[in-house]
Amino acid sequence: MRRHGLVALALALAALAAGGCGKEAPKAETDPAGERKAALERAKEGPYGTQVKALESAKGMQDDLDRKTRESVEKAEQGAK
């Protein structure tokens, strides 16, 4: 009797496993850009907040320096013509 119960249980588990095969997992509806922005804000408040803020500031300085360099090169090219 006990053996029949184990066989029935094994068959039920096999049926459940086979029934779930081939189905795609539901897609999470998230916005990657929004998630990235939220993670950055959480990081600013976390234990490494000062480092994150310093890195963000350095990236801003790099962008500013790149813009000034491009403007300088454009002025030099216009003056050479």
PDB file of N, CA and C in Angstrom:
ATOM      1  N   MET A   1       0.823  -1.190   0.000  1.00  0.00           N
ATOM      2  CA  MET A   1       0.000   0.000   0.000  1.00  0.00           C
ATOM      3  C   MET A   1       0.868   1.256   0.000  1.00  0.00           C
ATOM      4  N   ARG A   2       1.882   1.213   0.812  1.00  0.00           N
ATOM      5  CA  ARG A   2       2.753   2.368   0.919  1.00  0.00           C
ATOM      6  C   ARG A   2       3.514   2.607  -0.381  1.00  0.00           C
ATOM      7  N   ARG A   3       3.846   1.522  -1.034  1.00  0.00           N
ATOM      8  CA  ARG A   3       4.584   1.621  -2.291  1.00  0.00           C
ATOM      9  C   ARG A   3       3.736   2.301  -3.364  1.00  0.00           C
ATOM     10  N   HIS A   4       2.436   2.021  -3.385  1.00  0.00           N
ATOM     11  CA  HIS A   4       1.537   2.631  -4.353  1.00  0.00           C
ATOM     12  C   HIS A   4       1.449   4.145  -4.124  1.00  0.00           C
ATOM     13  N   GLY A   5       1.492   4.548  -2.870  1.00  0.00           N
ATOM     14  CA  GLY A   5       1.435   5.975  -2.540  1.00  0.00           C
ATOM     15  C   GLY A   5       2.678   6.694  -3.031  1.00  0.00           C
ATOM     16  N   LEU A   6       3.824   6.044  -2.888  1.00  0.00           N
ATOM     17  CA  LEU A   6       5.074   6.655  -3.355  1.00  0.00           C
ATOM     18  C   LEU A   6       5.100   6.749  -4.876  1.00  0.00           C
ATOM     19  N   VAL A   7       4.600   5.717  -5.537  1.00  0.00           N
ATOM     20  CA  VAL A   7       4.551   5.731  -6.999  1.00  0.00           C
ATOM     21  C   VAL A   7       3.607   6.834  -7.471  1.00  0.00           C
ATOM     22  N   ALA A   8       2.471   6.960  -6.815  1.00  0.00           N
ATOM     23  CA  ALA A   8       1.508   7.996  -7.180  1.00  0.00           C
ATOM     24  C   ALA A   8       2.099   9.384  -6.963  1.00  0.00           C
ATOM     25  N   LEU A   9       2.819   9.546  -5.871  1.00  0.00           N
ATOM     26  CA  LEU A   9       3.463  10.824  -5.584  1.00  0.00           C
ATOM     27  C   LEU A   9       4.525  11.132  -6.637  1.00  0.00           C
ATOM     28  N   ALA A  10       5.319  10.141  -7.006  1.00  0.00           N
ATOM     29  CA  ALA A  10       6.352  10.336  -8.027  1.00  0.00           C
ATOM     30  C   ALA A  10       5.725  10.693  -9.368  1.00  0.00           C
ATOM     31  N   LEU A  11       4.642  10.044  -9.738  1.00  0.00           N
ATOM     32  CA  LEU A  11       3.955  10.354 -10.989  1.00  0.00           C
ATOM     33  C   LEU A  11       3.362  11.760 -10.962  1.00  0.00           C
ATOM     34  N   ALA A  12       2.823  12.162  -9.827  1.00  0.00           N
ATOM     35  CA  ALA A  12       2.241  13.499  -9.712  1.00  0.00           C
ATOM     36  C   ALA A  12       3.331  14.565  -9.853  1.00  0.00           C
ATOM     37  N   LEU A  13       4.465  14.333  -9.206  1.00  0.00           N
ATOM     38  CA  LEU A  13       5.574  15.282  -9.313  1.00  0.00           C
ATOM     39  C   LEU A  13       6.113  15.353 -10.739  1.00  0.00           C
ATOM     40  N   ALA A  14       6.204  14.209 -11.406  1.00  0.00           N
ATOM     41  CA  ALA A  14       6.670  14.186 -12.787  1.00  0.00           C
ATOM     42  C   ALA A  14       5.699  14.935 -13.694  1.00  0.00           C
ATOM     43  N   ALA A  15       4.405  14.801 -13.454  1.00  0.00           N
ATOM     44  CA  ALA A  15       3.409  15.499 -14.260  1.00  0.00           C
ATOM     45  C   ALA A  15       3.501  17.007 -14.043  1.00  0.00           C
ATOM     46  N   LEU A  16       3.716  17.406 -12.806  1.00  0.00           N
ATOM     47  CA  LEU A  16       3.861  18.841 -12.528  1.00  0.00           C
ATOM     48  C   LEU A  16       5.112  19.409 -13.190  1.00  0.00           C
ATOM     49  N   ALA A  17       6.195  18.656 -13.125  1.00  0.00           N
ATOM     50  CA  ALA A  17       7.442  19.118 -13.735  1.00  0.00           C
ATOM     51  C   ALA A  17       7.304  19.196 -15.251  1.00  0.00           C
ATOM     52  N   ALA A  18       6.664  18.222 -15.848  1.00  0.00           N
ATOM     53  CA  ALA A  18       6.496  18.206 -17.300  1.00  0.00           C
ATOM     54  C   ALA A  18       5.527  19.305 -17.740  1.00  0.00           C
ATOM     55  N   GLY A  19       4.544  19.588 -16.930  1.00  0.00           N
ATOM     56  CA  GLY A  19       3.571  20.621 -17.277  1.00  0.00           C
ATOM     57  C   GLY A  19       4.188  22.014 -17.280  1.00  0.00           C
ATOM     58  N   GLY A  20       5.196  22.239 -16.469  1.00  0.00           N
ATOM     59  CA  GLY A  20       5.833  23.552 -16.402  1.00  0.00           C
ATOM     60  C   GLY A  20       6.913  23.747 -17.441  1.00  0.00           C
ATOM     61  N   CYS A  21       7.332  22.693 -18.099  1.00  0.00           N
ATOM     62  CA  CYS A  21       8.395  22.807 -19.099  1.00  0.00           C
ATOM     63  C   CYS A  21       7.885  23.515 -20.344  1.00  0.00           C
ATOM     64  N   GLY A  22       8.727  24.308 -20.937  1.00  0.00           N
ATOM     65  CA  GLY A  22       8.388  24.965 -22.185  1.00  0.00           C
ATOM     66  C   GLY A  22       7.660  26.285 -22.005  1.00  0.00           C
ATOM     67  N   LYS A  23       7.249  26.590 -20.809  1.00  0.00           N
ATOM     68  CA  LYS A  23       6.569  27.861 -20.581  1.00  0.00           C
ATOM     69  C   LYS A  23       7.610  28.921 -20.248  1.00  0.00           C
ATOM     70  N   GLU A  24       7.419  30.088 -20.820  1.00  0.00           N
ATOM     71  CA  GLU A  24       8.336  31.184 -20.529  1.00  0.00           C
ATOM     72  C   GLU A  24       7.957  31.832 -19.207  1.00  0.00           C
ATOM     73  N   ALA A  25       8.974  32.280 -18.516  1.00  0.00           N
ATOM     74  CA  ALA A  25       8.729  32.993 -17.271  1.00  0.00           C
ATOM     75  C   ALA A  25       8.115  34.344 -17.600  1.00  0.00           C
ATOM     76  N   PRO A  26       7.230  34.825 -16.776  1.00  0.00           N
ATOM     77  CA  PRO A  26       6.630  36.128 -17.056  1.00  0.00           C
ATOM     78  C   PRO A  26       7.694  37.229 -17.047  1.00  0.00           C
ATOM     79  N   LYS A  27       7.587  38.130 -17.994  1.00  0.00           N
ATOM     80  CA  LYS A  27       8.548  39.226 -18.108  1.00  0.00           C
ATOM     81  C   LYS A  27       8.222  40.282 -17.059  1.00  0.00           C
ATOM     82  N   ALA A  28       9.259  40.747 -16.400  1.00  0.00           N
ATOM     83  CA  ALA A  28       9.088  41.820 -15.431  1.00  0.00           C
ATOM     84  C   ALA A  28       9.003  43.145 -16.185  1.00  0.00           C
ATOM     85  N   GLU A  29       8.022  43.922 -15.859  1.00  0.00           N
ATOM     86  CA  GLU A  29       7.838  45.202 -16.538  1.00  0.00           C
ATOM     87  C   GLU A  29       8.588  46.276 -15.763  1.00  0.00           C
ATOM     88  N   THR A  30       9.855  46.471 -16.124  1.00  0.00           N
ATOM     89  CA  THR A  30      10.668  47.478 -15.469  1.00  0.00           C
ATOM     90  C   THR A  30      11.318  48.368 -16.507  1.00  0.00           C
ATOM     91  N   ASP A  31      11.652  49.537 -16.087  1.00  0.00           N
ATOM     92  CA  ASP A  31      12.335  50.499 -16.938  1.00  0.00           C
ATOM     93  C   ASP A  31      13.809  50.497 -16.537  1.00  0.00           C
ATOM     94  N   PRO A  32      14.714  50.013 -17.397  1.00  0.00           N
ATOM     95  CA  PRO A  32      16.125  49.940 -17.012  1.00  0.00           C
ATOM     96  C   PRO A  32      16.719  51.295 -16.631  1.00  0.00           C
ATOM     97  N   ALA A  33      16.347  52.337 -17.345  1.00  0.00           N
ATOM     98  CA  ALA A  33      16.883  53.661 -17.025  1.00  0.00           C
ATOM     99  C   ALA A  33      16.376  54.125 -15.660  1.00  0.00           C
ATOM    100  N   GLY A  34      15.126  53.865 -15.397  1.00  0.00           N
ATOM    101  CA  GLY A  34      14.560  54.234 -14.095  1.00  0.00           C
ATOM    102  C   GLY A  34      15.186  53.450 -12.959  1.00  0.00           C
ATOM    103  N   GLU A  35      15.419  52.162 -13.197  1.00  0.00           N
ATOM    104  CA  GLU A  35      16.069  51.326 -12.192  1.00  0.00           C
ATOM    105  C   GLU A  35      17.486  51.813 -11.905  1.00  0.00           C
ATOM    106  N   ARG A  36      18.202  52.184 -12.969  1.00  0.00           N
ATOM    107  CA  ARG A  36      19.577  52.669 -12.817  1.00  0.00           C
ATOM    108  C   ARG A  36      19.598  53.964 -12.003  1.00  0.00           C
ATOM    109  N   LYS A  37      18.656  54.852 -12.301  1.00  0.00           N
ATOM    110  CA  LYS A  37      18.579  56.131 -11.592  1.00  0.00           C
ATOM    111  C   LYS A  37      18.242  55.904 -10.114  1.00  0.00           C
ATOM    112  N   ALA A  38      17.299  55.008  -9.856  1.00  0.00           N
ATOM    113  CA  ALA A  38      16.924  54.703  -8.475  1.00  0.00           C
ATOM    114  C   ALA A  38      18.092  54.066  -7.720  1.00  0.00           C
ATOM    115  N   ALA A  39      18.837  53.196  -8.392  1.00  0.00           N
ATOM    116  CA  ALA A  39      19.991  52.558  -7.744  1.00  0.00           C
ATOM    117  C   ALA A  39      21.060  53.590  -7.414  1.00  0.00           C
ATOM    118  N   LEU A  40      21.255  54.564  -8.289  1.00  0.00           N
ATOM    119  CA  LEU A  40      22.227  55.617  -8.033  1.00  0.00           C
ATOM    120  C   LEU A  40      21.821  56.439  -6.815  1.00  0.00           C
ATOM    121  N   GLU A  41      20.545  56.751  -6.725  1.00  0.00           N
ATOM    122  CA  GLU A  41      20.061  57.521  -5.575  1.00  0.00           C
ATOM    123  C   GLU A  41      20.223  56.726  -4.276  1.00  0.00           C
ATOM    124  N   ARG A  42      19.944  55.418  -4.329  1.00  0.00           N
ATOM    125  CA  ARG A  42      20.136  54.583  -3.135  1.00  0.00           C
ATOM    126  C   ARG A  42      21.604  54.511  -2.761  1.00  0.00           C
ATOM    127  N   ALA A  43      22.482  54.451  -3.767  1.00  0.00           N
ATOM    128  CA  ALA A  43      23.918  54.357  -3.505  1.00  0.00           C
ATOM    129  C   ALA A  43      24.432  55.636  -2.852  1.00  0.00           C
ATOM    130  N   LYS A  44      23.865  56.770  -3.223  1.00  0.00           N
ATOM    131  CA  LYS A  44      24.289  58.041  -2.618  1.00  0.00           C
ATOM    132  C   LYS A  44      23.992  58.080  -1.128  1.00  0.00           C
ATOM    133  N   GLU A  45      22.943  57.398  -0.725  1.00  0.00           N
ATOM    134  CA  GLU A  45      22.544  57.388   0.677  1.00  0.00           C
ATOM    135  C   GLU A  45      23.197  56.240   1.453  1.00  0.00           C
ATOM    136  N   GLY A  46      23.816  55.314   0.768  1.00  0.00           N
ATOM    137  CA  GLY A  46      24.401  54.138   1.408  1.00  0.00           C
ATOM    138  C   GLY A  46      25.762  54.424   2.037  1.00  0.00           C
ATOM    139  N   PRO A  47      26.441  53.367   2.454  1.00  0.00           N
ATOM    140  CA  PRO A  47      27.731  53.522   3.131  1.00  0.00           C
ATOM    141  C   PRO A  47      28.823  54.104   2.233  1.00  0.00           C
ATOM    142  N   TYR A  48      28.679  53.999   0.933  1.00  0.00           N
ATOM    143  CA  TYR A  48      29.685  54.537   0.019  1.00  0.00           C
ATOM    144  C   TYR A  48      29.187  55.808  -0.666  1.00  0.00           C
ATOM    145  N   GLY A  49      28.293  56.521  -0.015  1.00  0.00           N
ATOM    146  CA  GLY A  49      27.670  57.693  -0.598  1.00  0.00           C
ATOM    147  C   GLY A  49      28.659  58.767  -1.020  1.00  0.00           C
ATOM    148  N   THR A  50      29.682  59.024  -0.199  1.00  0.00           N
ATOM    149  CA  THR A  50      30.633  60.080  -0.555  1.00  0.00           C
ATOM    150  C   THR A  50      31.426  59.697  -1.793  1.00  0.00           C
ATOM    151  N   GLN A  51      31.789  58.418  -1.933  1.00  0.00           N
ATOM    152  CA  GLN A  51      32.526  57.975  -3.113  1.00  0.00           C
ATOM    153  C   GLN A  51      31.663  58.064  -4.367  1.00  0.00           C
ATOM    154  N   VAL A  52      30.395  57.712  -4.240  1.00  0.00           N
ATOM    155  CA  VAL A  52      29.481  57.767  -5.388  1.00  0.00           C
ATOM    156  C   VAL A  52      29.303  59.213  -5.825  1.00  0.00           C
ATOM    157  N   LYS A  53      29.145  60.108  -4.859  1.00  0.00           N
ATOM    158  CA  LYS A  53      28.983  61.526  -5.187  1.00  0.00           C
ATOM    159  C   LYS A  53      30.245  62.079  -5.839  1.00  0.00           C
ATOM    160  N   ALA A  54      31.421  61.671  -5.344  1.00  0.00           N
ATOM    161  CA  ALA A  54      32.679  62.135  -5.925  1.00  0.00           C
ATOM    162  C   ALA A  54      32.830  61.629  -7.359  1.00  0.00           C
ATOM    163  N   LEU A  55      32.458  60.393  -7.617  1.00  0.00           N
ATOM    164  CA  LEU A  55      32.530  59.834  -8.967  1.00  0.00           C
ATOM    165  C   LEU A  55      31.585  60.576  -9.908  1.00  0.00           C
ATOM    166  N   GLU A  56      30.391  60.867  -9.431  1.00  0.00           N
ATOM    167  CA  GLU A  56      29.428  61.602 -10.246  1.00  0.00           C
ATOM    168  C   GLU A  56      29.964  63.010 -10.560  1.00  0.00           C
ATOM    169  N   SER A  57      30.590  63.632  -9.598  1.00  0.00           N
ATOM    170  CA  SER A  57      31.170  64.958  -9.802  1.00  0.00           C
ATOM    171  C   SER A  57      32.320  64.890 -10.812  1.00  0.00           C
ATOM    172  N   ALA A  58      33.151  63.866 -10.722  1.00  0.00           N
ATOM    173  CA  ALA A  58      34.270  63.710 -11.656  1.00  0.00           C
ATOM    174  C   ALA A  58      33.767  63.500 -13.080  1.00  0.00           C
ATOM    175  N   LYS A  59      32.685  62.735 -13.232  1.00  0.00           N
ATOM    176  CA  LYS A  59      32.112  62.532 -14.564  1.00  0.00           C
ATOM    177  C   LYS A  59      31.601  63.853 -15.126  1.00  0.00           C
ATOM    178  N   GLY A  60      31.014  64.686 -14.267  1.00  0.00           N
ATOM    179  CA  GLY A  60      30.544  65.994 -14.700  1.00  0.00           C
ATOM    180  C   GLY A  60      31.699  66.880 -15.138  1.00  0.00           C
ATOM    181  N   MET A  61      32.811  66.826 -14.397  1.00  0.00           N
ATOM    182  CA  MET A  61      33.990  67.606 -14.775  1.00  0.00           C
ATOM    183  C   MET A  61      34.557  67.123 -16.102  1.00  0.00           C
ATOM    184  N   GLN A  62      34.560  65.820 -16.323  1.00  0.00           N
ATOM    185  CA  GLN A  62      35.072  65.254 -17.568  1.00  0.00           C
ATOM    186  C   GLN A  62      34.222  65.734 -18.745  1.00  0.00           C
ATOM    187  N   ASP A  63      32.905  65.722 -18.584  1.00  0.00           N
ATOM    188  CA  ASP A  63      32.018  66.196 -19.646  1.00  0.00           C
ATOM    189  C   ASP A  63      32.271  67.675 -19.948  1.00  0.00           C
ATOM    190  N   ASP A  64      32.470  68.459 -18.910  1.00  0.00           N
ATOM    191  CA  ASP A  64      32.737  69.880 -19.085  1.00  0.00           C
ATOM    192  C   ASP A  64      34.063  70.100 -19.810  1.00  0.00           C
ATOM    193  N   LEU A  65      35.079  69.352 -19.423  1.00  0.00           N
ATOM    194  CA  LEU A  65      36.391  69.466 -20.065  1.00  0.00           C
ATOM    195  C   LEU A  65      36.317  69.040 -21.532  1.00  0.00           C
ATOM    196  N   ASP A  66      35.572  67.979 -21.823  1.00  0.00           N
ATOM    197  CA  ASP A  66      35.401  67.528 -23.212  1.00  0.00           C
ATOM    198  C   ASP A  66      34.723  68.606 -24.058  1.00  0.00           C
ATOM    199  N   ARG A  67      33.689  69.227 -23.500  1.00  0.00           N
ATOM    200  CA  ARG A  67      32.968  70.273 -24.218  1.00  0.00           C
ATOM    201  C   ARG A  67      33.887  71.465 -24.498  1.00  0.00           C
ATOM    202  N   LYS A  68      34.651  71.881 -23.498  1.00  0.00           N
ATOM    203  CA  LYS A  68      35.568  73.014 -23.683  1.00  0.00           C
ATOM    204  C   LYS A  68      36.651  72.687 -24.699  1.00  0.00           C
ATOM    205  N   THR A  69      37.134  71.439 -24.705  1.00  0.00           N
ATOM    206  CA  THR A  69      38.156  71.033 -25.665  1.00  0.00           C
ATOM    207  C   THR A  69      37.601  71.081 -27.082  1.00  0.00           C
ATOM    208  N   ARG A  70      36.379  70.560 -27.272  1.00  0.00           N
ATOM    209  CA  ARG A  70      35.753  70.597 -28.598  1.00  0.00           C
ATOM    210  C   ARG A  70      35.576  72.034 -29.085  1.00  0.00           C
ATOM    211  N   GLU A  71      35.124  72.913 -28.201  1.00  0.00           N
ATOM    212  CA  GLU A  71      34.944  74.317 -28.571  1.00  0.00           C
ATOM    213  C   GLU A  71      36.280  74.951 -28.958  1.00  0.00           C
ATOM    214  N   SER A  72      37.315  74.633 -28.232  1.00  0.00           N
ATOM    215  CA  SER A  72      38.649  75.190 -28.517  1.00  0.00           C
ATOM    216  C   SER A  72      39.166  74.704 -29.867  1.00  0.00           C
ATOM    217  N   VAL A  73      38.961  73.427 -30.139  1.00  0.00           N
ATOM    218  CA  VAL A  73      39.405  72.864 -31.418  1.00  0.00           C
ATOM    219  C   VAL A  73      38.620  73.488 -32.576  1.00  0.00           C
ATOM    220  N   GLU A  74      37.310  73.676 -32.397  1.00  0.00           N
ATOM    221  CA  GLU A  74      36.497  74.288 -33.441  1.00  0.00           C
ATOM    222  C   GLU A  74      36.940  75.731 -33.702  1.00  0.00           C
ATOM    223  N   LYS A  75      37.264  76.489 -32.660  1.00  0.00           N
ATOM    224  CA  LYS A  75      37.745  77.855 -32.841  1.00  0.00           C
ATOM    225  C   LYS A  75      39.078  77.875 -33.569  1.00  0.00           C
ATOM    226  N   ALA A  76      39.955  76.932 -33.233  1.00  0.00           N
ATOM    227  CA  ALA A  76      41.262  76.864 -33.882  1.00  0.00           C
ATOM    228  C   ALA A  76      41.115  76.505 -35.350  1.00  0.00           C
ATOM    229  N   GLU A  77      40.197  75.605 -35.666  1.00  0.00           N
ATOM    230  CA  GLU A  77      39.963  75.213 -37.063  1.00  0.00           C
ATOM    231  C   GLU A  77      39.375  76.356 -37.855  1.00  0.00           C
ATOM    232  N   GLN A  78      38.481  77.111 -37.240  1.00  0.00           N
ATOM    233  CA  GLN A  78      37.886  78.263 -37.937  1.00  0.00           C
ATOM    234  C   GLN A  78      38.919  79.347 -38.171  1.00  0.00           C
ATOM    235  N   GLY A  79      39.842  79.551 -37.242  1.00  0.00           N
ATOM    236  CA  GLY A  79      40.888  80.542 -37.389  1.00  0.00           C
ATOM    237  C   GLY A  79      41.909  80.153 -38.439  1.00  0.00           C
ATOM    238  N   ALA A  80      42.093  78.856 -38.687  1.00  0.00           N
ATOM    239  CA  ALA A  80      43.067  78.376 -39.666  1.00  0.00           C
ATOM    240  C   ALA A  80      42.542  78.526 -41.082  1.00  0.00           C
ATOM    241  N   LYS A  81      41.262  78.682 -41.270  1.00  0.00           N
ATOM    242  CA  LYS A  81      40.679  78.749 -42.626  1.00  0.00           C
ATOM    243  C   LYS A  81      40.788  80.106 -43.191  1.00  0.00           C
TER     244      LYS A  81
END
